[in-house]
């Protein structure tokens, strides 16, 4: 049985009051397990990024409960949340967010330093992470000397620093061409299955749906559809017939 790593119980995020109230996320309930690659899709303004930030403990819900492993995140104070993020969650963003004056190796090494891994051990782990994402020959390149796909691979290696069981990706292919974007998503899918991580990705790109174990569709702050992978649905159907 796969472990449940993230649970949302009727989570809502509300901004403003009275006539200016905006419900960005509305009563979302999810139970997400390790070893899964899940896509979240939907139109702009539907609440996808807000939901991702809630899941990543960067925002606290207005209503409802959120559990990260055994921790009820919605009940914790602001001093505790950064500790949970560093331990459990890696983030990948559309804009890479690399430090331009640092090499690929140094960008990843810095992320390890923030998680308490320093010195020779940090340099060795940074090099191993970059090799894992196919950049073993680009360790000492600055971001300006890397392609868009290579920058995103550095960002992914940085997200893997400290071996977090959850990866959250917000439009990681948005600044890439279709071929390079597909390669990045294939890498994320592989990381979920071979390393037993939960990978949860926000995307507008319907061309990568086939790589996911599950696709969630969001509109007006709510999850309006859930689509499982065809082979999983077939297996479930066979189980029902038995």
C-alpha atoms as a PDB file:
ATOM      1  CA  UNK A   1       0.000   0.000   0.000  1.00  0.00           C
ATOM      2  CA  UNK A   2       1.235   3.498  -0.860  1.00  0.00           C
ATOM      3  CA  UNK A   3       1.476   5.979   1.992  1.00  0.00           C
ATOM      4  CA  UNK A   4      -0.829   8.966   2.049  1.00  0.00           C
ATOM      5  CA  UNK A   5       1.412  12.034   2.152  1.00  0.00           C
ATOM      6  CA  UNK A   6      -0.990  14.950   1.687  1.00  0.00           C
ATOM      7  CA  UNK A   7      -4.652  15.340   2.642  1.00  0.00           C
ATOM      8  CA  UNK A   8      -6.933  18.324   2.061  1.00  0.00           C
ATOM      9  CA  UNK A   9     -10.240  18.258   3.925  1.00  0.00           C
ATOM     10  CA  UNK A  10     -12.736  20.812   2.561  1.00  0.00           C
ATOM     11  CA  UNK A  11     -10.004  23.438   2.188  1.00  0.00           C
ATOM     12  CA  UNK A  12     -10.955  26.971   1.156  1.00  0.00           C
ATOM     13  CA  UNK A  13      -8.955  30.158   0.688  1.00  0.00           C
ATOM     14  CA  UNK A  14     -10.864  33.439   0.846  1.00  0.00           C
ATOM     15  CA  UNK A  15      -9.519  36.930   0.205  1.00  0.00           C
ATOM     16  CA  UNK A  16     -11.239  40.151   1.222  1.00  0.00           C
ATOM     17  CA  UNK A  17     -14.572  40.760   2.933  1.00  0.00           C
ATOM     18  CA  UNK A  18     -18.083  41.762   2.009  1.00  0.00           C
ATOM     19  CA  UNK A  19     -18.592  42.844  -1.590  1.00  0.00           C
ATOM     20  CA  UNK A  20     -14.866  42.445  -2.327  1.00  0.00           C
ATOM     21  CA  UNK A  21     -14.717  38.804  -1.190  1.00  0.00           C
ATOM     22  CA  UNK A  22     -12.913  36.447  -3.574  1.00  0.00           C
ATOM     23  CA  UNK A  23     -13.032  32.687  -3.005  1.00  0.00           C
ATOM     24  CA  UNK A  24      -9.833  31.481  -4.674  1.00  0.00           C
ATOM     25  CA  UNK A  25     -10.185  27.867  -3.515  1.00  0.00           C
ATOM     26  CA  UNK A  26     -13.556  26.426  -2.567  1.00  0.00           C
ATOM     27  CA  UNK A  27     -14.059  23.285  -0.414  1.00  0.00           C
ATOM     28  CA  UNK A  28     -11.351  21.155  -2.039  1.00  0.00           C
ATOM     29  CA  UNK A  29     -10.857  17.652  -0.636  1.00  0.00           C
ATOM     30  CA  UNK A  30      -7.982  15.481  -1.871  1.00  0.00           C
ATOM     31  CA  UNK A  31      -6.007  12.495  -0.639  1.00  0.00           C
ATOM     32  CA  UNK A  32      -2.656  12.140  -2.396  1.00  0.00           C
ATOM     33  CA  UNK A  33      -0.232   9.242  -2.067  1.00  0.00           C
ATOM     34  CA  UNK A  34       3.460   8.661  -2.732  1.00  0.00           C
ATOM     35  CA  UNK A  35       4.649   7.392  -6.102  1.00  0.00           C
ATOM     36  CA  UNK A  36       2.049   9.351  -8.086  1.00  0.00           C
ATOM     37  CA  UNK A  37       2.306  11.950 -10.829  1.00  0.00           C
ATOM     38  CA  UNK A  38      -0.764  14.201 -10.699  1.00  0.00           C
ATOM     39  CA  UNK A  39      -1.598  17.059 -13.057  1.00  0.00           C
ATOM     40  CA  UNK A  40      -3.823  19.995 -12.122  1.00  0.00           C
ATOM     41  CA  UNK A  41      -5.359  21.731 -15.125  1.00  0.00           C
ATOM     42  CA  UNK A  42      -7.913  24.471 -15.692  1.00  0.00           C
ATOM     43  CA  UNK A  43      -8.334  27.991 -17.070  1.00  0.00           C
ATOM     44  CA  UNK A  44      -6.356  30.975 -15.813  1.00  0.00           C
ATOM     45  CA  UNK A  45      -7.809  32.371 -12.612  1.00  0.00           C
ATOM     46  CA  UNK A  46      -9.381  29.078 -11.571  1.00  0.00           C
ATOM     47  CA  UNK A  47      -7.334  28.830  -8.355  1.00  0.00           C
ATOM     48  CA  UNK A  48      -4.653  26.346  -9.419  1.00  0.00           C
ATOM     49  CA  UNK A  49      -1.637  28.254  -8.125  1.00  0.00           C
ATOM     50  CA  UNK A  50      -3.418  29.187  -4.888  1.00  0.00           C
ATOM     51  CA  UNK A  51      -4.189  25.511  -4.301  1.00  0.00           C
ATOM     52  CA  UNK A  52      -0.543  24.611  -4.972  1.00  0.00           C
ATOM     53  CA  UNK A  53       0.639  27.262  -2.484  1.00  0.00           C
ATOM     54  CA  UNK A  54      -1.749  25.876   0.126  1.00  0.00           C
ATOM     55  CA  UNK A  55      -0.407  22.375  -0.458  1.00  0.00           C
ATOM     56  CA  UNK A  56       3.146  23.711  -0.162  1.00  0.00           C
ATOM     57  CA  UNK A  57       2.431  25.406   3.198  1.00  0.00           C
ATOM     58  CA  UNK A  58       3.149  28.818   1.684  1.00  0.00           C
ATOM     59  CA  UNK A  59      -0.444  29.848   2.400  1.00  0.00           C
ATOM     60  CA  UNK A  60      -2.733  28.788   5.230  1.00  0.00           C
ATOM     61  CA  UNK A  61      -6.359  27.882   4.469  1.00  0.00           C
ATOM     62  CA  UNK A  62      -9.171  30.167   5.546  1.00  0.00           C
ATOM     63  CA  UNK A  63     -11.333  27.138   6.233  1.00  0.00           C
ATOM     64  CA  UNK A  64     -10.788  23.394   6.287  1.00  0.00           C
ATOM     65  CA  UNK A  65      -7.846  21.235   7.297  1.00  0.00           C
ATOM     66  CA  UNK A  66      -4.626  20.249   5.542  1.00  0.00           C
ATOM     67  CA  UNK A  67      -2.435  17.345   6.652  1.00  0.00           C
ATOM     68  CA  UNK A  68       1.190  16.804   5.615  1.00  0.00           C
ATOM     69  CA  UNK A  69       2.047  13.276   6.735  1.00  0.00           C
ATOM     70  CA  UNK A  70       1.089  13.256  10.442  1.00  0.00           C
ATOM     71  CA  UNK A  71       1.059  17.043  10.779  1.00  0.00           C
ATOM     72  CA  UNK A  72      -2.130  19.086  10.618  1.00  0.00           C
ATOM     73  CA  UNK A  73      -0.621  22.056   8.826  1.00  0.00           C
ATOM     74  CA  UNK A  74      -3.657  24.273   9.227  1.00  0.00           C
ATOM     75  CA  UNK A  75      -3.213  24.124  13.031  1.00  0.00           C
ATOM     76  CA  UNK A  76       0.490  25.067  13.099  1.00  0.00           C
ATOM     77  CA  UNK A  77       2.021  28.483  13.702  1.00  0.00           C
ATOM     78  CA  UNK A  78       4.122  30.385  11.165  1.00  0.00           C
ATOM     79  CA  UNK A  79       7.402  29.451  12.860  1.00  0.00           C
ATOM     80  CA  UNK A  80       6.838  25.730  12.276  1.00  0.00           C
ATOM     81  CA  UNK A  81       5.807  25.850   8.608  1.00  0.00           C
ATOM     82  CA  UNK A  82       9.282  26.586   7.148  1.00  0.00           C
ATOM     83  CA  UNK A  83      10.644  23.519   8.949  1.00  0.00           C
ATOM     84  CA  UNK A  84       7.988  21.326   7.345  1.00  0.00           C
ATOM     85  CA  UNK A  85       8.602  22.819   3.902  1.00  0.00           C
ATOM     86  CA  UNK A  86      12.333  22.161   4.119  1.00  0.00           C
ATOM     87  CA  UNK A  87      11.786  18.584   5.253  1.00  0.00           C
ATOM     88  CA  UNK A  88       8.971  17.449   3.003  1.00  0.00           C
ATOM     89  CA  UNK A  89       8.544  19.680  -0.067  1.00  0.00           C
ATOM     90  CA  UNK A  90      10.537  20.673  -3.131  1.00  0.00           C
ATOM     91  CA  UNK A  91       9.271  23.468  -5.392  1.00  0.00           C
ATOM     92  CA  UNK A  92       9.749  23.918  -9.156  1.00  0.00           C
ATOM     93  CA  UNK A  93       8.569  27.190 -10.701  1.00  0.00           C
ATOM     94  CA  UNK A  94       8.023  28.443 -14.238  1.00  0.00           C
ATOM     95  CA  UNK A  95      10.649  31.197 -14.009  1.00  0.00           C
ATOM     96  CA  UNK A  96      13.534  28.975 -12.737  1.00  0.00           C
ATOM     97  CA  UNK A  97      14.502  31.489  -9.989  1.00  0.00           C
ATOM     98  CA  UNK A  98      18.214  30.696 -10.268  1.00  0.00           C
ATOM     99  CA  UNK A  99      20.853  33.018  -8.831  1.00  0.00           C
ATOM    100  CA  UNK A 100      22.559  34.468 -11.948  1.00  0.00           C
ATOM    101  CA  UNK A 101      25.976  34.899 -10.317  1.00  0.00           C
ATOM    102  CA  UNK A 102      26.109  31.267  -9.123  1.00  0.00           C
ATOM    103  CA  UNK A 103      26.968  28.216 -11.217  1.00  0.00           C
ATOM    104  CA  UNK A 104      24.547  25.315 -11.589  1.00  0.00           C
ATOM    105  CA  UNK A 105      26.491  23.482  -8.889  1.00  0.00           C
ATOM    106  CA  UNK A 106      26.434  26.473  -6.545  1.00  0.00           C
ATOM    107  CA  UNK A 107      22.695  27.037  -7.036  1.00  0.00           C
ATOM    108  CA  UNK A 108      21.962  23.477  -5.916  1.00  0.00           C
ATOM    109  CA  UNK A 109      24.607  23.581  -3.193  1.00  0.00           C
ATOM    110  CA  UNK A 110      22.970  26.672  -1.698  1.00  0.00           C
ATOM    111  CA  UNK A 111      19.643  24.822  -1.420  1.00  0.00           C
ATOM    112  CA  UNK A 112      21.445  22.024   0.425  1.00  0.00           C
ATOM    113  CA  UNK A 113      23.081  24.555   2.755  1.00  0.00           C
ATOM    114  CA  UNK A 114      19.633  25.852   3.712  1.00  0.00           C
ATOM    115  CA  UNK A 115      18.708  22.301   4.681  1.00  0.00           C
ATOM    116  CA  UNK A 116      21.747  21.926   6.922  1.00  0.00           C
ATOM    117  CA  UNK A 117      24.041  20.117   4.469  1.00  0.00           C
ATOM    118  CA  UNK A 118      27.328  21.972   4.004  1.00  0.00           C
ATOM    119  CA  UNK A 119      30.928  21.730   2.815  1.00  0.00           C
ATOM    120  CA  UNK A 120      32.240  18.803   0.785  1.00  0.00           C
ATOM    121  CA  UNK A 121      29.112  16.761   1.445  1.00  0.00           C
ATOM    122  CA  UNK A 122      26.930  19.511  -0.067  1.00  0.00           C
ATOM    123  CA  UNK A 123      29.144  19.834  -3.155  1.00  0.00           C
ATOM    124  CA  UNK A 124      29.112  16.083  -3.712  1.00  0.00           C
ATOM    125  CA  UNK A 125      25.325  15.828  -3.329  1.00  0.00           C
ATOM    126  CA  UNK A 126      24.790  18.840  -5.608  1.00  0.00           C
ATOM    127  CA  UNK A 127      26.915  17.210  -8.316  1.00  0.00           C
ATOM    128  CA  UNK A 128      24.984  13.938  -7.912  1.00  0.00           C
ATOM    129  CA  UNK A 129      21.626  15.718  -8.187  1.00  0.00           C
ATOM    130  CA  UNK A 130      22.675  17.551 -11.338  1.00  0.00           C
ATOM    131  CA  UNK A 131      23.922  14.299 -12.862  1.00  0.00           C
ATOM    132  CA  UNK A 132      20.575  12.704 -12.019  1.00  0.00           C
ATOM    133  CA  UNK A 133      18.761  15.297 -14.152  1.00  0.00           C
ATOM    134  CA  UNK A 134      21.247  14.982 -17.009  1.00  0.00           C
ATOM    135  CA  UNK A 135      23.526  17.937 -16.273  1.00  0.00           C
ATOM    136  CA  UNK A 136      26.668  16.189 -15.097  1.00  0.00           C
ATOM    137  CA  UNK A 137      28.661  18.055 -17.754  1.00  0.00           C
ATOM    138  CA  UNK A 138      27.234  21.495 -16.885  1.00  0.00           C
ATOM    139  CA  UNK A 139      28.156  21.788 -13.209  1.00  0.00           C
ATOM    140  CA  UNK A 140      30.228  24.962 -13.565  1.00  0.00           C
ATOM    141  CA  UNK A 141      28.048  26.804 -16.081  1.00  0.00           C
ATOM    142  CA  UNK A 142      26.320  30.039 -15.093  1.00  0.00           C
ATOM    143  CA  UNK A 143      22.589  30.323 -15.830  1.00  0.00           C
ATOM    144  CA  UNK A 144      23.281  32.733 -18.719  1.00  0.00           C
ATOM    145  CA  UNK A 145      25.226  29.945 -20.454  1.00  0.00           C
ATOM    146  CA  UNK A 146      22.445  27.366 -20.119  1.00  0.00           C
ATOM    147  CA  UNK A 147      19.413  26.761 -22.339  1.00  0.00           C
ATOM    148  CA  UNK A 148      15.897  27.115 -20.944  1.00  0.00           C
ATOM    149  CA  UNK A 149      15.581  23.365 -20.545  1.00  0.00           C
ATOM    150  CA  UNK A 150      18.925  23.163 -18.758  1.00  0.00           C
ATOM    151  CA  UNK A 151      17.920  25.972 -16.383  1.00  0.00           C
ATOM    152  CA  UNK A 152      14.744  24.098 -15.531  1.00  0.00           C
ATOM    153  CA  UNK A 153      16.782  20.951 -14.878  1.00  0.00           C
ATOM    154  CA  UNK A 154      18.970  22.931 -12.469  1.00  0.00           C
ATOM    155  CA  UNK A 155      15.795  24.159 -10.778  1.00  0.00           C
ATOM    156  CA  UNK A 156      14.569  20.566 -10.558  1.00  0.00           C
ATOM    157  CA  UNK A 157      17.877  19.376  -9.083  1.00  0.00           C
ATOM    158  CA  UNK A 158      17.602  22.187  -6.531  1.00  0.00           C
ATOM    159  CA  UNK A 159      14.056  21.071  -5.667  1.00  0.00           C
ATOM    160  CA  UNK A 160      15.394  17.568  -5.004  1.00  0.00           C
ATOM    161  CA  UNK A 161      17.920  18.885  -2.460  1.00  0.00           C
ATOM    162  CA  UNK A 162      17.400  17.142   0.861  1.00  0.00           C
ATOM    163  CA  UNK A 163      15.403  14.337  -0.794  1.00  0.00           C
ATOM    164  CA  UNK A 164      11.855  15.696  -0.201  1.00  0.00           C
ATOM    165  CA  UNK A 165       9.040  13.149  -0.649  1.00  0.00           C
ATOM    166  CA  UNK A 166       6.824  15.750  -2.375  1.00  0.00           C
ATOM    167  CA  UNK A 167       7.575  17.838  -5.476  1.00  0.00           C
ATOM    168  CA  UNK A 168       5.220  20.700  -6.348  1.00  0.00           C
ATOM    169  CA  UNK A 169       5.649  22.200  -9.815  1.00  0.00           C
ATOM    170  CA  UNK A 170       3.892  25.365 -11.013  1.00  0.00           C
ATOM    171  CA  UNK A 171       3.838  25.575 -14.828  1.00  0.00           C
ATOM    172  CA  UNK A 172       7.429  24.281 -15.136  1.00  0.00           C
ATOM    173  CA  UNK A 173       7.151  24.081 -18.941  1.00  0.00           C
ATOM    174  CA  UNK A 174       5.611  27.531 -19.455  1.00  0.00           C
ATOM    175  CA  UNK A 175       8.848  29.136 -20.694  1.00  0.00           C
ATOM    176  CA  UNK A 176      10.039  26.133 -22.733  1.00  0.00           C
ATOM    177  CA  UNK A 177       9.410  24.934 -26.261  1.00  0.00           C
ATOM    178  CA  UNK A 178       7.124  21.920 -26.624  1.00  0.00           C
ATOM    179  CA  UNK A 179       9.899  19.346 -27.106  1.00  0.00           C
ATOM    180  CA  UNK A 180      11.948  20.536 -24.129  1.00  0.00           C
ATOM    181  CA  UNK A 181       8.814  20.893 -22.023  1.00  0.00           C
ATOM    182  CA  UNK A 182       7.858  17.310 -22.773  1.00  0.00           C
ATOM    183  CA  UNK A 183      11.308  16.146 -21.663  1.00  0.00           C
ATOM    184  CA  UNK A 184      10.954  17.973 -18.338  1.00  0.00           C
ATOM    185  CA  UNK A 185       7.522  16.444 -17.705  1.00  0.00           C
ATOM    186  CA  UNK A 186       8.826  12.985 -18.605  1.00  0.00           C
ATOM    187  CA  UNK A 187      11.581  13.505 -16.042  1.00  0.00           C
ATOM    188  CA  UNK A 188       9.044  14.519 -13.386  1.00  0.00           C
ATOM    189  CA  UNK A 189       6.940  11.448 -14.164  1.00  0.00           C
ATOM    190  CA  UNK A 190      10.014   9.237 -13.890  1.00  0.00           C
ATOM    191  CA  UNK A 191      10.962  10.759 -10.524  1.00  0.00           C
ATOM    192  CA  UNK A 192       7.521   9.979  -9.134  1.00  0.00           C
ATOM    193  CA  UNK A 193       7.688   6.315 -10.111  1.00  0.00           C
ATOM    194  CA  UNK A 194      11.339   5.361  -9.668  1.00  0.00           C
ATOM    195  CA  UNK A 195      11.852   7.342  -6.440  1.00  0.00           C
ATOM    196  CA  UNK A 196       8.331   6.914  -5.001  1.00  0.00           C
ATOM    197  CA  UNK A 197       7.621  10.631  -4.696  1.00  0.00           C
ATOM    198  CA  UNK A 198       4.363  12.496  -5.007  1.00  0.00           C
ATOM    199  CA  UNK A 199       4.792  14.901  -7.934  1.00  0.00           C
ATOM    200  CA  UNK A 200       1.951  17.411  -8.275  1.00  0.00           C
ATOM    201  CA  UNK A 201       2.133  19.727 -11.275  1.00  0.00           C
ATOM    202  CA  UNK A 202       0.037  22.688 -12.418  1.00  0.00           C
ATOM    203  CA  UNK A 203      -0.051  22.990 -16.209  1.00  0.00           C
ATOM    204  CA  UNK A 204      -2.008  24.406 -19.138  1.00  0.00           C
ATOM    205  CA  UNK A 205      -0.440  21.974 -21.598  1.00  0.00           C
ATOM    206  CA  UNK A 206      -2.890  19.199 -22.618  1.00  0.00           C
ATOM    207  CA  UNK A 207      -0.140  17.426 -24.575  1.00  0.00           C
ATOM    208  CA  UNK A 208       1.355  15.971 -21.385  1.00  0.00           C
ATOM    209  CA  UNK A 209      -1.857  14.463 -19.989  1.00  0.00           C
ATOM    210  CA  UNK A 210      -0.806  10.994 -21.101  1.00  0.00           C
ATOM    211  CA  UNK A 211       2.164  11.033 -18.719  1.00  0.00           C
ATOM    212  CA  UNK A 212       0.067  11.499 -15.576  1.00  0.00           C
ATOM    213  CA  UNK A 213      -1.384   8.928 -13.210  1.00  0.00           C
ATOM    214  CA  UNK A 214      -4.262  11.301 -12.559  1.00  0.00           C
ATOM    215  CA  UNK A 215      -5.521  14.577 -13.998  1.00  0.00           C
ATOM    216  CA  UNK A 216      -7.550  17.018 -11.890  1.00  0.00           C
ATOM    217  CA  UNK A 217      -9.513  19.814 -13.550  1.00  0.00           C
ATOM    218  CA  UNK A 218     -10.194  23.018 -11.610  1.00  0.00           C
ATOM    219  CA  UNK A 219     -12.747  25.727 -12.320  1.00  0.00           C
ATOM    220  CA  UNK A 220     -13.828  28.667 -10.159  1.00  0.00           C
ATOM    221  CA  UNK A 221     -11.855  27.382  -7.178  1.00  0.00           C
ATOM    222  CA  UNK A 222     -13.282  23.854  -7.202  1.00  0.00           C
ATOM    223  CA  UNK A 223     -12.123  20.481  -8.513  1.00  0.00           C
ATOM    224  CA  UNK A 224     -14.746  19.673 -11.149  1.00  0.00           C
ATOM    225  CA  UNK A 225     -13.258  16.509 -12.703  1.00  0.00           C
ATOM    226  CA  UNK A 226     -10.795  13.713 -11.910  1.00  0.00           C
ATOM    227  CA  UNK A 227      -9.369  11.466 -14.608  1.00  0.00           C
ATOM    228  CA  UNK A 228      -7.244   8.447 -13.732  1.00  0.00           C
ATOM    229  CA  UNK A 229      -4.762   6.807 -16.072  1.00  0.00           C
ATOM    230  CA  UNK A 230      -6.377   4.344 -18.469  1.00  0.00           C
ATOM    231  CA  UNK A 231      -4.439   1.343 -17.150  1.00  0.00           C
ATOM    232  CA  UNK A 232      -5.446   2.171 -13.561  1.00  0.00           C
ATOM    233  CA  UNK A 233      -9.100   2.451 -14.546  1.00  0.00           C
ATOM    234  CA  UNK A 234      -8.871  -0.851 -16.389  1.00  0.00           C
ATOM    235  CA  UNK A 235      -7.317  -2.544 -13.361  1.00  0.00           C
ATOM    236  CA  UNK A 236     -10.031  -1.132 -11.108  1.00  0.00           C
ATOM    237  CA  UNK A 237     -12.680  -2.390 -13.521  1.00  0.00           C
ATOM    238  CA  UNK A 238     -11.159  -5.882 -13.510  1.00  0.00           C
ATOM    239  CA  UNK A 239     -11.158  -5.838  -9.722  1.00  0.00           C
ATOM    240  CA  UNK A 240     -14.827  -4.899  -9.623  1.00  0.00           C
ATOM    241  CA  UNK A 241     -15.730  -7.738 -11.982  1.00  0.00           C
ATOM    242  CA  UNK A 242     -13.931 -10.215  -9.734  1.00  0.00           C
END
